């Protein structure tokens, strides 16, 4: 599922928060809390009232989330 979403994102550019929360099913306040905690990438200010994230950072986050969601085989 994440791979399909990852393929639909542009290669480069910026994403604003409304587009990001369509990809990540969480609320705005949760997103900002994870940004503040350092779990999610830091935004860039594109203008006085415009905040966005690099698509490359969002793609990397999707990869990290996808890898963590796959159950790891236990070595016995």
PDB file of N, CA and C in Angstrom:
ATOM      1  N   UNK A   1       0.827  -1.195   0.000  1.00  0.00           N
ATOM      2  CA  UNK A   1       0.000   0.000   0.000  1.00  0.00           C
ATOM      3  C   UNK A   1       0.868   1.254   0.000  1.00  0.00           C
ATOM      4  N   UNK A   2       1.873   1.278   0.887  1.00  0.00           N
ATOM      5  CA  UNK A   2       2.738   2.447   0.969  1.00  0.00           C
ATOM      6  C   UNK A   2       3.515   2.618  -0.328  1.00  0.00           C
ATOM      7  N   UNK A   3       3.910   1.506  -0.951  1.00  0.00           N
ATOM      8  CA  UNK A   3       4.651   1.582  -2.207  1.00  0.00           C
ATOM      9  C   UNK A   3       3.812   2.251  -3.284  1.00  0.00           C
ATOM     10  N   UNK A   4       2.534   1.947  -3.350  1.00  0.00           N
ATOM     11  CA  UNK A   4       1.641   2.577  -4.326  1.00  0.00           C
ATOM     12  C   UNK A   4       1.553   4.071  -4.066  1.00  0.00           C
ATOM     13  N   UNK A   5       1.399   4.459  -2.824  1.00  0.00           N
ATOM     14  CA  UNK A   5       1.339   5.880  -2.473  1.00  0.00           C
ATOM     15  C   UNK A   5       2.660   6.543  -2.809  1.00  0.00           C
ATOM     16  N   UNK A   6       3.763   5.900  -2.472  1.00  0.00           N
ATOM     17  CA  UNK A   6       5.089   6.445  -2.730  1.00  0.00           C
ATOM     18  C   UNK A   6       5.296   6.687  -4.224  1.00  0.00           C
ATOM     19  N   UNK A   7       4.794   5.797  -5.073  1.00  0.00           N
ATOM     20  CA  UNK A   7       4.932   5.955  -6.517  1.00  0.00           C
ATOM     21  C   UNK A   7       4.086   7.104  -7.044  1.00  0.00           C
ATOM     22  N   UNK A   8       2.993   7.437  -6.364  1.00  0.00           N
ATOM     23  CA  UNK A   8       2.122   8.509  -6.841  1.00  0.00           C
ATOM     24  C   UNK A   8       2.638   9.897  -6.450  1.00  0.00           C
ATOM     25  N   UNK A   9       3.623   9.958  -5.566  1.00  0.00           N
ATOM     26  CA  UNK A   9       4.193  11.247  -5.177  1.00  0.00           C
ATOM     27  C   UNK A   9       5.141  11.739  -6.262  1.00  0.00           C
ATOM     28  N   UNK A  10       5.255  13.053  -6.419  1.00  0.00           N
ATOM     29  CA  UNK A  10       6.225  13.562  -7.393  1.00  0.00           C
ATOM     30  C   UNK A  10       7.649  13.212  -6.958  1.00  0.00           C
ATOM     31  N   UNK A  11       8.567  13.232  -7.904  1.00  0.00           N
ATOM     32  CA  UNK A  11       9.965  12.904  -7.605  1.00  0.00           C
ATOM     33  C   UNK A  11      10.613  13.962  -6.715  1.00  0.00           C
ATOM     34  N   UNK A  12      10.370  15.218  -7.030  1.00  0.00           N
ATOM     35  CA  UNK A  12      10.947  16.324  -6.267  1.00  0.00           C
ATOM     36  C   UNK A  12       9.874  17.378  -6.037  1.00  0.00           C
ATOM     37  N   UNK A  13      10.199  18.314  -5.189  1.00  0.00           N
ATOM     38  CA  UNK A  13       9.269  19.403  -4.911  1.00  0.00           C
ATOM     39  C   UNK A  13       8.936  19.467  -3.433  1.00  0.00           C
ATOM     40  N   UNK A  14       7.796  20.071  -3.152  1.00  0.00           N
ATOM     41  CA  UNK A  14       7.361  20.267  -1.777  1.00  0.00           C
ATOM     42  C   UNK A  14       5.922  19.812  -1.612  1.00  0.00           C
ATOM     43  N   UNK A  15       5.600  19.406  -0.383  1.00  0.00           N
ATOM     44  CA  UNK A  15       4.230  19.024  -0.038  1.00  0.00           C
ATOM     45  C   UNK A  15       3.785  19.854   1.151  1.00  0.00           C
ATOM     46  N   UNK A  16       2.556  20.325   1.089  1.00  0.00           N
ATOM     47  CA  UNK A  16       1.976  21.038   2.221  1.00  0.00           C
ATOM     48  C   UNK A  16       1.250  20.028   3.103  1.00  0.00           C
ATOM     49  N   UNK A  17       0.935  20.447   4.316  1.00  0.00           N
ATOM     50  CA  UNK A  17       0.361  19.539   5.306  1.00  0.00           C
ATOM     51  C   UNK A  17      -0.942  18.867   4.856  1.00  0.00           C
ATOM     52  N   UNK A  18      -1.889  19.569   4.224  1.00  0.00           N
ATOM     53  CA  UNK A  18      -3.109  18.866   3.795  1.00  0.00           C
ATOM     54  C   UNK A  18      -2.833  17.674   2.867  1.00  0.00           C
ATOM     55  N   UNK A  19      -1.841  17.789   2.007  1.00  0.00           N
ATOM     56  CA  UNK A  19      -1.488  16.676   1.118  1.00  0.00           C
ATOM     57  C   UNK A  19      -0.805  15.554   1.892  1.00  0.00           C
ATOM     58  N   UNK A  20      -0.014  15.919   2.884  1.00  0.00           N
ATOM     59  CA  UNK A  20       0.704  14.911   3.671  1.00  0.00           C
ATOM     60  C   UNK A  20      -0.260  14.078   4.496  1.00  0.00           C
ATOM     61  N   UNK A  21      -1.243  14.713   5.120  1.00  0.00           N
ATOM     62  CA  UNK A  21      -2.153  13.940   5.972  1.00  0.00           C
ATOM     63  C   UNK A  21      -3.128  13.094   5.155  1.00  0.00           C
ATOM     64  N   UNK A  22      -3.139  13.282   3.843  1.00  0.00           N
ATOM     65  CA  UNK A  22      -3.874  12.341   2.989  1.00  0.00           C
ATOM     66  C   UNK A  22      -3.076  11.048   2.841  1.00  0.00           C
ATOM     67  N   UNK A  23      -1.760  11.154   2.921  1.00  0.00           N
ATOM     68  CA  UNK A  23      -0.876   9.994   2.816  1.00  0.00           C
ATOM     69  C   UNK A  23      -0.741   9.298   4.170  1.00  0.00           C
ATOM     70  N   UNK A  24      -0.599  10.092   5.230  1.00  0.00           N
ATOM     71  CA  UNK A  24      -0.490   9.569   6.590  1.00  0.00           C
ATOM     72  C   UNK A  24      -1.830   9.780   7.286  1.00  0.00           C
ATOM     73  N   UNK A  25      -2.506   8.718   7.670  1.00  0.00           N
ATOM     74  CA  UNK A  25      -3.831   8.858   8.285  1.00  0.00           C
ATOM     75  C   UNK A  25      -3.758   9.288   9.755  1.00  0.00           C
ATOM     76  N   UNK A  26      -3.226  10.488   9.980  1.00  0.00           N
ATOM     77  CA  UNK A  26      -3.164  11.046  11.328  1.00  0.00           C
ATOM     78  C   UNK A  26      -3.648  12.482  11.269  1.00  0.00           C
ATOM     79  N   UNK A  27      -3.942  13.053  12.412  1.00  0.00           N
ATOM     80  CA  UNK A  27      -4.397  14.431  12.475  1.00  0.00           C
ATOM     81  C   UNK A  27      -3.241  15.419  12.429  1.00  0.00           C
ATOM     82  N   UNK A  28      -3.592  16.670  12.209  1.00  0.00           N
ATOM     83  CA  UNK A  28      -2.573  17.725  12.133  1.00  0.00           C
ATOM     84  C   UNK A  28      -1.788  17.846  13.431  1.00  0.00           C
ATOM     85  N   UNK A  29      -2.490  17.802  14.557  1.00  0.00           N
ATOM     86  CA  UNK A  29      -1.794  17.977  15.838  1.00  0.00           C
ATOM     87  C   UNK A  29      -0.834  16.819  16.114  1.00  0.00           C
ATOM     88  N   UNK A  30      -1.208  15.607  15.721  1.00  0.00           N
ATOM     89  CA  UNK A  30      -0.315  14.459  15.883  1.00  0.00           C
ATOM     90  C   UNK A  30       0.904  14.609  14.985  1.00  0.00           C
ATOM     91  N   UNK A  31       0.687  15.060  13.744  1.00  0.00           N
ATOM     92  CA  UNK A  31       1.808  15.283  12.821  1.00  0.00           C
ATOM     93  C   UNK A  31       2.786  16.271  13.434  1.00  0.00           C
ATOM     94  N   UNK A  32       2.256  17.422  13.908  1.00  0.00           N
ATOM     95  CA  UNK A  32       3.129  18.454  14.468  1.00  0.00           C
ATOM     96  C   UNK A  32       3.843  17.967  15.725  1.00  0.00           C
ATOM     97  N   UNK A  33       3.180  17.155  16.538  1.00  0.00           N
ATOM     98  CA  UNK A  33       3.824  16.611  17.740  1.00  0.00           C
ATOM     99  C   UNK A  33       5.004  15.714  17.356  1.00  0.00           C
ATOM    100  N   UNK A  34       4.834  14.915  16.314  1.00  0.00           N
ATOM    101  CA  UNK A  34       5.917  14.032  15.871  1.00  0.00           C
ATOM    102  C   UNK A  34       7.042  14.820  15.201  1.00  0.00           C
ATOM    103  N   UNK A  35       6.709  15.926  14.548  1.00  0.00           N
ATOM    104  CA  UNK A  35       7.749  16.808  13.995  1.00  0.00           C
ATOM    105  C   UNK A  35       8.560  17.394  15.142  1.00  0.00           C
ATOM    106  N   UNK A  36       7.856  17.886  16.159  1.00  0.00           N
ATOM    107  CA  UNK A  36       8.527  18.493  17.311  1.00  0.00           C
ATOM    108  C   UNK A  36       9.396  17.477  18.048  1.00  0.00           C
ATOM    109  N   UNK A  37       8.929  16.227  18.118  1.00  0.00           N
ATOM    110  CA  UNK A  37       9.677  15.167  18.802  1.00  0.00           C
ATOM    111  C   UNK A  37      10.852  14.653  17.969  1.00  0.00           C
ATOM    112  N   UNK A  38      10.945  15.082  16.713  1.00  0.00           N
ATOM    113  CA  UNK A  38      12.035  14.641  15.857  1.00  0.00           C
ATOM    114  C   UNK A  38      11.769  13.331  15.132  1.00  0.00           C
ATOM    115  N   UNK A  39      10.550  12.814  15.246  1.00  0.00           N
ATOM    116  CA  UNK A  39      10.201  11.561  14.577  1.00  0.00           C
ATOM    117  C   UNK A  39       9.890  11.773  13.098  1.00  0.00           C
ATOM    118  N   UNK A  40       9.411  12.944  12.756  1.00  0.00           N
ATOM    119  CA  UNK A  40       9.061  13.285  11.376  1.00  0.00           C
ATOM    120  C   UNK A  40       9.949  14.430  10.921  1.00  0.00           C
ATOM    121  N   UNK A  41      10.120  14.602   9.611  1.00  0.00           N
ATOM    122  CA  UNK A  41      11.039  15.632   9.105  1.00  0.00           C
ATOM    123  C   UNK A  41      10.601  17.049   9.448  1.00  0.00           C
ATOM    124  N   UNK A  42      11.583  17.921   9.540  1.00  0.00           N
ATOM    125  CA  UNK A  42      11.328  19.331   9.806  1.00  0.00           C
ATOM    126  C   UNK A  42      10.831  20.011   8.528  1.00  0.00           C
ATOM    127  N   UNK A  43       9.911  20.959   8.665  1.00  0.00           N
ATOM    128  CA  UNK A  43       9.398  21.661   7.488  1.00  0.00           C
ATOM    129  C   UNK A  43      10.330  22.783   7.054  1.00  0.00           C
ATOM    130  N   UNK A  44      10.014  23.332   5.914  1.00  0.00           N
ATOM    131  CA  UNK A  44      10.714  24.511   5.400  1.00  0.00           C
ATOM    132  C   UNK A  44       9.689  25.629   5.280  1.00  0.00           C
ATOM    133  N   UNK A  45      10.105  26.838   5.595  1.00  0.00           N
ATOM    134  CA  UNK A  45       9.240  27.999   5.412  1.00  0.00           C
ATOM    135  C   UNK A  45       9.458  28.514   3.997  1.00  0.00           C
ATOM    136  N   UNK A  46       8.422  28.487   3.176  1.00  0.00           N
ATOM    137  CA  UNK A  46       8.514  28.988   1.813  1.00  0.00           C
ATOM    138  C   UNK A  46       8.053  30.434   1.719  1.00  0.00           C
ATOM    139  N   UNK A  47       7.411  30.897   2.758  1.00  0.00           N
ATOM    140  CA  UNK A  47       6.925  32.269   2.813  1.00  0.00           C
ATOM    141  C   UNK A  47       6.436  32.548   4.216  1.00  0.00           C
ATOM    142  N   UNK A  48       5.941  33.757   4.476  1.00  0.00           N
ATOM    143  CA  UNK A  48       5.511  34.093   5.838  1.00  0.00           C
ATOM    144  C   UNK A  48       4.375  33.205   6.359  1.00  0.00           C
ATOM    145  N   UNK A  49       3.532  32.710   5.470  1.00  0.00           N
ATOM    146  CA  UNK A  49       2.413  31.864   5.895  1.00  0.00           C
ATOM    147  C   UNK A  49       2.390  30.533   5.155  1.00  0.00           C
ATOM    148  N   UNK A  50       3.534  30.131   4.629  1.00  0.00           N
ATOM    149  CA  UNK A  50       3.594  28.898   3.844  1.00  0.00           C
ATOM    150  C   UNK A  50       4.685  27.979   4.387  1.00  0.00           C
ATOM    151  N   UNK A  51       4.249  26.821   4.857  1.00  0.00           N
ATOM    152  CA  UNK A  51       5.157  25.803   5.371  1.00  0.00           C
ATOM    153  C   UNK A  51       4.987  24.552   4.525  1.00  0.00           C
ATOM    154  N   UNK A  52       6.095  23.924   4.167  1.00  0.00           N
ATOM    155  CA  UNK A  52       6.032  22.721   3.340  1.00  0.00           C
ATOM    156  C   UNK A  52       7.188  21.796   3.690  1.00  0.00           C
ATOM    157  N   UNK A  53       7.075  20.566   3.231  1.00  0.00           N
ATOM    158  CA  UNK A  53       8.101  19.558   3.446  1.00  0.00           C
ATOM    159  C   UNK A  53       8.618  19.098   2.097  1.00  0.00           C
ATOM    160  N   UNK A  54       9.898  18.758   2.038  1.00  0.00           N
ATOM    161  CA  UNK A  54      10.476  18.222   0.809  1.00  0.00           C
ATOM    162  C   UNK A  54       9.855  16.853   0.526  1.00  0.00           C
ATOM    163  N   UNK A  55       9.497  16.629  -0.716  1.00  0.00           N
ATOM    164  CA  UNK A  55       8.929  15.336  -1.105  1.00  0.00           C
ATOM    165  C   UNK A  55       9.919  14.215  -0.804  1.00  0.00           C
ATOM    166  N   UNK A  56      11.189  14.484  -0.987  1.00  0.00           N
ATOM    167  CA  UNK A  56      12.204  13.472  -0.713  1.00  0.00           C
ATOM    168  C   UNK A  56      12.157  13.031   0.751  1.00  0.00           C
ATOM    169  N   UNK A  57      11.924  13.988   1.666  1.00  0.00           N
ATOM    170  CA  UNK A  57      11.827  13.660   3.092  1.00  0.00           C
ATOM    171  C   UNK A  57      10.580  12.827   3.379  1.00  0.00           C
ATOM    172  N   UNK A  58       9.476  13.149   2.710  1.00  0.00           N
ATOM    173  CA  UNK A  58       8.234  12.399   2.908  1.00  0.00           C
ATOM    174  C   UNK A  58       8.389  10.984   2.354  1.00  0.00           C
ATOM    175  N   UNK A  59       9.049  10.850   1.207  1.00  0.00           N
ATOM    176  CA  UNK A  59       9.312   9.519   0.640  1.00  0.00           C
ATOM    177  C   UNK A  59      10.161   8.681   1.606  1.00  0.00           C
ATOM    178  N   UNK A  60      11.186   9.288   2.178  1.00  0.00           N
ATOM    179  CA  UNK A  60      12.050   8.578   3.128  1.00  0.00           C
ATOM    180  C   UNK A  60      11.256   8.155   4.363  1.00  0.00           C
ATOM    181  N   UNK A  61      10.382   9.020   4.835  1.00  0.00           N
ATOM    182  CA  UNK A  61       9.542   8.690   5.983  1.00  0.00           C
ATOM    183  C   UNK A  61       8.615   7.527   5.649  1.00  0.00           C
ATOM    184  N   UNK A  62       8.028   7.537   4.464  1.00  0.00           N
ATOM    185  CA  UNK A  62       7.171   6.426   4.042  1.00  0.00           C
ATOM    186  C   UNK A  62       7.944   5.111   4.025  1.00  0.00           C
ATOM    187  N   UNK A  63       9.166   5.151   3.514  1.00  0.00           N
ATOM    188  CA  UNK A  63      10.005   3.948   3.490  1.00  0.00           C
ATOM    189  C   UNK A  63      10.273   3.446   4.900  1.00  0.00           C
ATOM    190  N   UNK A  64      10.595   4.380   5.803  1.00  0.00           N
ATOM    191  CA  UNK A  64      10.893   4.005   7.189  1.00  0.00           C
ATOM    192  C   UNK A  64       9.664   3.394   7.852  1.00  0.00           C
ATOM    193  N   UNK A  65       8.506   3.992   7.637  1.00  0.00           N
ATOM    194  CA  UNK A  65       7.268   3.478   8.223  1.00  0.00           C
ATOM    195  C   UNK A  65       6.951   2.099   7.650  1.00  0.00           C
ATOM    196  N   UNK A  66       7.141   1.940   6.337  1.00  0.00           N
ATOM    197  CA  UNK A  66       6.877   0.660   5.690  1.00  0.00           C
ATOM    198  C   UNK A  66       7.799  -0.429   6.244  1.00  0.00           C
ATOM    199  N   UNK A  67       9.064  -0.119   6.436  1.00  0.00           N
ATOM    200  CA  UNK A  67      10.018  -1.101   6.969  1.00  0.00           C
ATOM    201  C   UNK A  67       9.679  -1.481   8.403  1.00  0.00           C
ATOM    202  N   UNK A  68       9.236  -0.528   9.194  1.00  0.00           N
ATOM    203  CA  UNK A  68       8.882  -0.806  10.591  1.00  0.00           C
ATOM    204  C   UNK A  68       7.577  -1.580  10.702  1.00  0.00           C
ATOM    205  N   UNK A  69       6.719  -1.500   9.682  1.00  0.00           N
ATOM    206  CA  UNK A  69       5.432  -2.186   9.722  1.00  0.00           C
ATOM    207  C   UNK A  69       5.557  -3.660   9.364  1.00  0.00           C
ATOM    208  N   UNK A  70       6.642  -4.034   8.695  1.00  0.00           N
ATOM    209  CA  UNK A  70       6.849  -5.430   8.310  1.00  0.00           C
ATOM    210  C   UNK A  70       7.362  -6.201   9.523  1.00  0.00           C
ATOM    211  N   UNK A  71       6.631  -7.234   9.939  1.00  0.00           N
ATOM    212  CA  UNK A  71       7.095  -8.012  11.102  1.00  0.00           C
ATOM    213  C   UNK A  71       8.453  -8.651  10.821  1.00  0.00           C
ATOM    214  N   UNK A  72       9.338  -8.532  11.776  1.00  0.00           N
ATOM    215  CA  UNK A  72      10.677  -9.099  11.644  1.00  0.00           C
ATOM    216  C   UNK A  72      10.656 -10.554  12.110  1.00  0.00           C
ATOM    217  N   UNK A  73      11.346 -11.417  11.379  1.00  0.00           N
ATOM    218  CA  UNK A  73      11.444 -12.823  11.771  1.00  0.00           C
ATOM    219  C   UNK A  73      12.339 -12.928  13.000  1.00  0.00           C
ATOM    220  N   UNK A  74      11.903 -13.708  13.960  1.00  0.00           N
ATOM    221  CA  UNK A  74      12.689 -13.897  15.181  1.00  0.00           C
ATOM    222  C   UNK A  74      13.695 -15.014  14.958  1.00  0.00           C
ATOM    223  N   UNK A  75      14.918 -14.758  15.369  1.00  0.00           N
ATOM    224  CA  UNK A  75      15.956 -15.792  15.292  1.00  0.00           C
ATOM    225  C   UNK A  75      15.859 -16.669  16.528  1.00  0.00           C
ATOM    226  N   UNK A  76      15.600 -17.941  16.325  1.00  0.00           N
ATOM    227  CA  UNK A  76      15.459 -18.844  17.473  1.00  0.00           C
ATOM    228  C   UNK A  76      16.599 -19.811  17.559  1.00  0.00           C
TER     229      UNK A  76
END
